[in-house]
Protein backbone atom coordinates (compact mmCIF):
# COMPACT_ATOMS: atom_id res chain seq x y z
CA MET A 1 173.45 16.93 68.89
CA THR A 2 171.70 15.23 71.76
CA ARG A 3 168.19 13.95 71.45
CA ALA A 4 166.85 16.63 73.86
CA ARG A 5 168.48 19.44 71.86
CA LEU A 6 167.12 18.01 68.61
CA SER A 7 163.57 17.84 70.05
CA ARG A 8 163.81 21.44 71.34
CA SER A 9 165.14 22.57 67.98
CA ARG A 10 162.24 20.87 66.15
CA LEU A 11 159.74 22.29 68.66
CA GLY A 12 161.19 25.76 68.20
CA GLY A 13 160.91 25.41 64.42
CA LEU A 14 157.34 24.15 64.72
CA ALA A 15 156.44 27.03 67.04
CA LEU A 16 157.92 29.51 64.58
CA ALA A 17 156.04 27.93 61.67
CA ALA A 18 152.79 27.86 63.67
CA SER A 19 153.27 31.51 64.60
CA ALA A 20 153.81 32.44 60.96
CA LEU A 21 150.68 30.53 59.90
CA ILE A 22 148.60 32.19 62.62
CA SER A 23 149.89 35.61 61.54
CA LEU A 24 148.99 34.88 57.92
CA GLY A 25 145.58 33.62 58.99
CA LEU A 26 144.90 36.77 60.99
CA ALA A 27 145.98 38.94 58.09
CA ALA A 28 143.61 37.05 55.78
CA CYS A 29 140.75 37.68 58.25
CA SER A 30 141.12 41.47 58.29
CA PRO A 31 137.99 43.28 59.38
CA ALA A 32 135.59 44.58 56.74
CA LEU A 33 135.74 48.02 58.36
CA ASN A 34 139.39 49.04 58.60
CA TRP A 35 139.10 52.52 60.16
CA ARG A 36 141.74 55.12 59.34
CA SER A 37 142.17 58.86 59.92
CA VAL A 38 141.99 61.23 56.98
CA ALA A 39 141.73 65.00 56.63
CA LEU A 40 139.47 67.20 54.55
CA GLY A 41 139.87 70.95 54.90
CA GLU A 42 139.71 71.94 58.55
CA LEU A 43 138.41 68.55 59.73
CA ALA A 44 139.93 65.24 60.74
CA LEU A 45 137.65 62.25 60.22
CA THR A 46 137.66 58.47 60.07
CA LEU A 47 136.77 56.26 57.12
CA PRO A 48 136.59 52.45 57.09
CA CYS A 49 138.56 52.12 53.85
CA LYS A 50 141.08 53.99 51.72
CA PRO A 51 139.10 56.86 50.18
CA ASP A 52 139.01 58.02 46.60
CA ARG A 53 139.22 61.81 46.20
CA ALA A 54 137.42 63.92 43.61
CA GLN A 55 136.51 67.50 42.86
CA ARG A 56 133.73 68.77 40.65
CA THR A 57 131.43 71.71 40.14
CA VAL A 58 127.85 71.08 41.30
CA PRO A 59 124.65 73.13 41.33
CA LEU A 60 123.81 73.96 44.94
CA GLY A 61 121.85 76.82 46.44
CA GLY A 62 121.02 78.22 43.01
CA GLN A 63 124.66 78.54 41.94
CA SER A 64 127.59 76.45 40.73
CA MET A 65 129.90 75.49 43.57
CA ASP A 66 133.23 73.67 43.69
CA MET A 67 132.86 70.52 45.79
CA GLU A 68 135.67 68.39 47.19
CA MET A 69 134.74 64.78 48.01
CA LEU A 70 136.17 61.72 49.74
CA GLY A 71 134.46 58.36 49.55
CA CYS A 72 134.85 54.61 49.71
CA GLU A 73 132.84 51.41 49.96
CA ALA A 74 133.22 48.82 52.71
CA ASP A 75 131.03 46.07 54.16
CA GLY A 76 128.23 46.81 51.70
CA ALA A 77 128.06 50.52 52.57
CA LEU A 78 129.09 53.72 50.83
CA PHE A 79 130.83 56.29 53.04
CA ALA A 80 131.18 59.82 51.67
CA VAL A 81 132.31 63.24 52.87
CA SER A 82 131.92 66.43 50.82
CA ARG A 83 132.96 70.03 51.35
CA VAL A 84 132.00 73.33 49.76
CA ALA A 85 133.06 76.86 50.62
CA VAL A 86 130.17 78.97 51.87
CA PRO A 87 130.12 82.07 49.64
CA SER A 88 131.16 85.32 51.28
CA GLY A 89 128.08 86.74 52.98
CA GLY A 90 126.31 83.41 52.43
CA ASP A 91 124.08 81.65 54.96
CA ALA A 92 125.47 78.23 55.95
CA ASP A 93 122.13 77.17 57.47
CA ARG A 94 120.24 78.00 54.27
CA LEU A 95 122.87 76.23 52.13
CA GLN A 96 122.69 73.20 54.43
CA ALA A 97 118.88 73.07 54.10
CA GLN A 98 119.15 73.19 50.31
CA TRP A 99 121.83 70.48 50.33
CA GLN A 100 119.67 68.33 52.61
CA ALA A 101 116.67 68.69 50.29
CA ALA A 102 118.78 67.80 47.25
CA SER A 103 120.22 64.72 49.02
CA LEU A 104 116.76 63.46 50.00
CA LEU A 105 115.39 64.10 46.51
CA GLN A 106 118.27 62.23 44.88
CA MET A 107 117.65 59.11 47.00
CA LYS A 108 113.88 59.39 46.56
CA ALA A 109 113.45 59.46 50.33
CA GLN A 110 110.19 57.94 51.55
CA GLY A 111 108.27 59.31 54.51
CA SER A 112 109.70 61.96 56.78
CA PRO A 113 113.38 61.81 57.65
CA VAL A 114 114.10 61.31 61.33
CA LEU A 115 116.25 64.00 62.92
CA ALA A 116 118.65 62.55 65.44
CA PRO A 117 122.02 63.28 67.04
CA LEU A 118 124.52 61.22 65.07
CA SER A 119 127.54 61.60 67.31
CA THR A 120 127.88 60.03 70.76
CA ASN A 121 131.45 61.24 71.27
CA ALA A 122 131.66 64.44 73.34
CA GLN A 123 134.90 65.37 71.52
CA ALA A 124 133.31 65.08 68.07
CA LEU A 125 131.80 68.07 66.33
CA PRO A 126 128.04 68.52 66.76
CA LEU A 127 126.62 67.18 63.51
CA ARG A 128 123.17 68.15 62.28
CA GLY A 129 121.86 64.86 61.01
CA LEU A 130 119.00 62.72 59.89
CA THR A 131 118.14 59.17 58.99
CA ALA A 132 116.12 58.38 55.87
CA SER A 133 115.04 55.46 53.69
CA GLY A 134 114.77 55.56 49.93
CA GLN A 135 116.27 54.12 46.77
CA GLY A 136 119.82 53.72 45.57
CA GLY A 137 120.87 54.60 42.04
CA ASP A 138 119.96 51.07 40.92
CA GLY A 139 116.46 51.28 42.45
CA THR A 140 117.16 49.00 45.43
CA ALA A 141 116.09 49.99 48.93
CA VAL A 142 118.68 51.99 50.82
CA GLN A 143 119.03 53.54 54.26
CA ALA A 144 120.97 56.76 54.71
CA ARG A 145 122.46 58.60 57.64
CA LEU A 146 123.27 62.13 56.59
CA ALA A 147 124.87 64.95 58.55
CA TRP A 148 126.16 68.46 58.00
CA VAL A 149 128.46 70.76 59.94
CA ALA A 150 129.87 74.21 59.27
CA ALA A 151 133.54 74.67 60.15
CA GLY A 152 135.37 77.87 59.33
CA SER A 153 134.03 79.13 56.01
CA ASP A 154 133.16 75.63 54.77
CA LEU A 155 130.10 73.39 54.95
CA TYR A 156 130.68 69.64 55.18
CA HIS A 157 128.30 66.78 54.38
CA PHE A 158 128.74 63.25 55.76
CA ALA A 159 126.80 60.28 54.39
CA VAL A 160 126.50 56.55 54.94
CA TYR A 161 124.32 54.60 52.49
CA ALA A 162 123.60 50.88 52.86
CA ALA A 163 120.79 48.35 52.62
CA ARG A 164 120.99 48.20 56.43
CA ILE A 165 123.15 50.58 58.46
CA THR A 166 124.61 49.07 61.61
CA PRO A 167 126.06 50.87 64.65
CA GLU A 168 129.48 49.43 63.70
CA MET A 169 129.24 51.39 60.44
CA ALA A 170 127.76 54.65 61.64
CA GLU A 171 129.16 55.32 65.12
CA PRO A 172 132.90 55.38 64.28
CA PHE A 173 132.21 57.39 61.13
CA PHE A 174 130.22 60.17 62.83
CA ASP A 175 132.11 60.04 66.14
CA GLY A 176 135.41 60.45 64.29
CA VAL A 177 134.66 63.97 62.99
CA LYS A 178 136.88 66.51 64.77
CA ALA A 179 138.43 69.91 64.12
CA ARG A 180 142.12 69.73 63.26
């Protein structure tokens, strides 16, 4: 092998090794919010982590209701989506108001919640939402962005809880809610 071929061969091997190291380095530096599409009932949504799924019966609107939930934690925030079927002949607006009151009571919300549009994406569903401050389950200060939307015969609740909610947390979460 000539000296030029040997040098090119070594350079090619070094380039391949460097490329592999860079790829490993990029994989190790994955973003804290790794957005992915998931489905719940009639809706498609985005979550920044692989969600856990659960179902349970909860008291809501003066009755026991079956609730389906998705949730995960990423970048110091809890992201959750819940769904209940609105009873036949039931009032989704009234149920949403009761759910909102229960959510604010549970987090010991302080002051008046601020009503605000939570979605900036014209293709996203119009979410009825609010921002509130209160306490987490461990008594530490927490911010919450909460939203509700009726779709079909179901009522959905979206929540982000964190010590400090950033636009990078909230915008993709609320903007990602779409009908399937």
